[in-house]
Amino acid sequence: MKVTGFKKICLLSLVTGLAACSTTGGAGTTYDGVWSGLITLNIGDETCMRRENFIVKVEDGYMTGKTRTIKYKTKITGGIDENGDVQYGEFDLGTIARDAVMTGKFEGKDAAGEWQSKRCKGKWTLRRIQ
């Protein structure tokens, strides 16, 4: 079957449109990159994280990270909106689905905020390293 005229234009548009769709996903955000920081404790008992280094990766506005010490293997997750505010930030110690809530803000190459669980409360800071 020979493709001519209008059919040829439609077929070409379809093929180039699909190619464009496959290359435009994941445009990224201002805060995408690798960030390194510190979690500190302000209030809490001996079961709380005292001072832990952590690293997160932000990709398309979604943050994932971890800290690994002898006592804690903490997963860090959350979103960052277009204003730099942390959305749905969590520290997961693996014992409870959502062990601590993380709030804060990303601005330029720095980020900072607070975290709180039932028994513990502290601060966190991050600096972009990549």
Protein backbone atom coordinates (compact mmCIF):
# COMPACT_ATOMS: atom_id res chain seq x y z
CA MET A 1 0.00 0.00 0.00
CA LYS A 2 1.36 3.36 -1.01
CA VAL A 3 1.03 6.23 1.50
CA THR A 4 0.47 9.60 -0.15
CA GLY A 5 -0.85 13.10 0.51
CA PHE A 6 -2.88 13.66 3.66
CA LYS A 7 -2.23 10.12 4.96
CA LYS A 8 1.53 10.68 4.66
CA ILE A 9 1.34 13.95 6.63
CA CYS A 10 -0.76 12.30 9.36
CA LEU A 11 1.62 9.34 9.61
CA LEU A 12 4.66 11.63 9.78
CA SER A 13 2.99 13.77 12.47
CA LEU A 14 2.17 10.68 14.50
CA VAL A 15 5.73 9.35 14.35
CA THR A 16 7.38 12.70 15.20
CA GLY A 17 4.81 13.35 17.92
CA LEU A 18 5.64 10.05 19.60
CA ALA A 19 9.34 10.83 19.39
CA ALA A 20 8.73 14.21 21.01
CA CYS A 21 6.65 12.64 23.78
CA SER A 22 9.41 10.20 24.62
CA THR A 23 12.05 12.91 25.00
CA THR A 24 10.18 15.62 26.92
CA GLY A 25 9.24 13.68 30.07
CA GLY A 26 11.04 14.46 33.34
CA ALA A 27 11.90 18.08 32.66
CA GLY A 28 13.27 18.47 36.17
CA THR A 29 12.95 21.17 38.79
CA THR A 30 15.13 23.91 40.26
CA TYR A 31 15.93 21.67 43.24
CA ASP A 32 16.95 18.52 41.35
CA GLY A 33 20.36 17.23 42.39
CA VAL A 34 22.21 15.59 45.25
CA TRP A 35 22.08 17.19 48.68
CA SER A 36 24.07 16.36 51.83
CA GLY A 37 23.22 17.40 55.35
CA LEU A 38 22.76 16.87 59.04
CA ILE A 39 19.87 15.80 61.26
CA THR A 40 20.08 17.11 64.84
CA LEU A 41 17.97 16.50 67.95
CA ASN A 42 16.47 19.31 70.03
CA ILE A 43 14.06 17.39 72.29
CA GLY A 44 13.81 13.66 72.93
CA ASP A 45 14.84 10.57 74.84
CA GLU A 46 17.60 7.99 74.26
CA THR A 47 15.69 6.33 71.40
CA CYS A 48 15.87 9.48 69.25
CA MET A 49 18.40 10.25 66.53
CA ARG A 50 20.96 12.61 68.09
CA ARG A 51 23.11 13.76 65.19
CA GLU A 52 23.09 11.96 61.86
CA ASN A 53 24.57 12.77 58.46
CA PHE A 54 22.24 12.12 55.56
CA ILE A 55 22.11 12.44 51.81
CA VAL A 56 19.13 12.93 49.52
CA LYS A 57 18.60 12.96 45.79
CA VAL A 58 15.94 15.22 44.34
CA GLU A 59 14.58 14.23 40.95
CA ASP A 60 11.56 15.89 39.30
CA GLY A 61 10.67 17.44 42.66
CA TYR A 62 10.67 14.12 44.56
CA MET A 63 13.19 13.58 47.34
CA THR A 64 14.64 10.19 48.37
CA GLY A 65 17.53 9.58 50.68
CA LYS A 66 18.97 7.73 53.62
CA THR A 67 21.19 7.77 56.63
CA ARG A 68 22.95 4.63 57.79
CA THR A 69 24.48 4.31 61.22
CA ILE A 70 24.87 1.41 63.62
CA LYS A 71 21.60 2.29 65.33
CA TYR A 72 19.50 3.76 62.49
CA LYS A 73 18.82 2.94 58.85
CA THR A 74 16.54 5.80 58.02
CA LYS A 75 14.78 6.31 54.67
CA ILE A 76 13.90 9.88 53.78
CA THR A 77 11.14 10.69 51.30
CA GLY A 78 9.03 13.65 50.28
CA GLY A 79 8.16 16.14 47.61
CA ILE A 80 9.37 19.66 46.98
CA ASP A 81 6.91 22.07 45.40
CA GLU A 82 7.77 24.89 42.97
CA ASN A 83 8.28 27.30 45.91
CA GLY A 84 10.81 24.98 47.58
CA ASP A 85 8.48 23.85 50.38
CA VAL A 86 8.82 20.24 51.52
CA GLN A 87 5.58 18.32 50.96
CA TYR A 88 4.84 14.99 52.70
CA GLY A 89 8.38 14.73 54.09
CA GLU A 90 9.03 11.62 56.18
CA PHE A 91 11.83 9.90 58.07
CA ASP A 92 11.11 6.16 58.10
CA LEU A 93 13.11 4.19 60.66
CA GLY A 94 11.56 0.93 59.48
CA THR A 95 9.64 0.38 62.71
CA ILE A 96 6.57 2.46 61.93
CA ALA A 97 5.30 3.35 58.44
CA ARG A 98 5.73 7.07 59.12
CA ASP A 99 8.04 7.56 62.08
CA ALA A 100 8.76 11.29 61.78
CA VAL A 101 7.30 14.16 59.76
CA MET A 102 9.73 16.46 57.97
CA THR A 103 8.90 20.09 57.11
CA GLY A 104 11.08 22.81 55.67
CA LYS A 105 12.18 24.77 52.63
CA PHE A 106 14.71 24.53 49.81
CA GLU A 107 16.23 27.85 48.67
CA GLY A 108 19.11 28.12 46.22
CA LYS A 109 21.86 25.73 47.31
CA ASP A 110 20.58 25.33 50.89
CA ALA A 111 17.63 23.71 52.58
CA ALA A 112 16.54 23.58 56.22
CA GLY A 113 13.63 22.64 58.39
CA GLU A 114 12.34 20.64 61.31
CA TRP A 115 11.35 17.03 61.95
CA GLN A 116 9.10 15.60 64.64
CA SER A 117 7.94 12.20 65.82
CA LYS A 118 5.87 11.20 68.85
CA ARG A 119 8.87 11.36 71.21
CA CYS A 120 11.49 13.38 69.35
CA LYS A 121 11.91 16.76 67.71
CA GLY A 122 14.82 18.30 65.87
CA LYS A 123 16.19 20.21 62.92
CA TRP A 124 17.73 19.28 59.59
CA THR A 125 19.92 21.12 57.10
CA LEU A 126 21.03 20.28 53.56
CA ARG A 127 23.47 21.75 51.04
CA ARG A 128 23.49 20.92 47.33
CA ILE A 129 26.62 18.98 46.37
CA GLN A 130 25.73 18.14 42.74
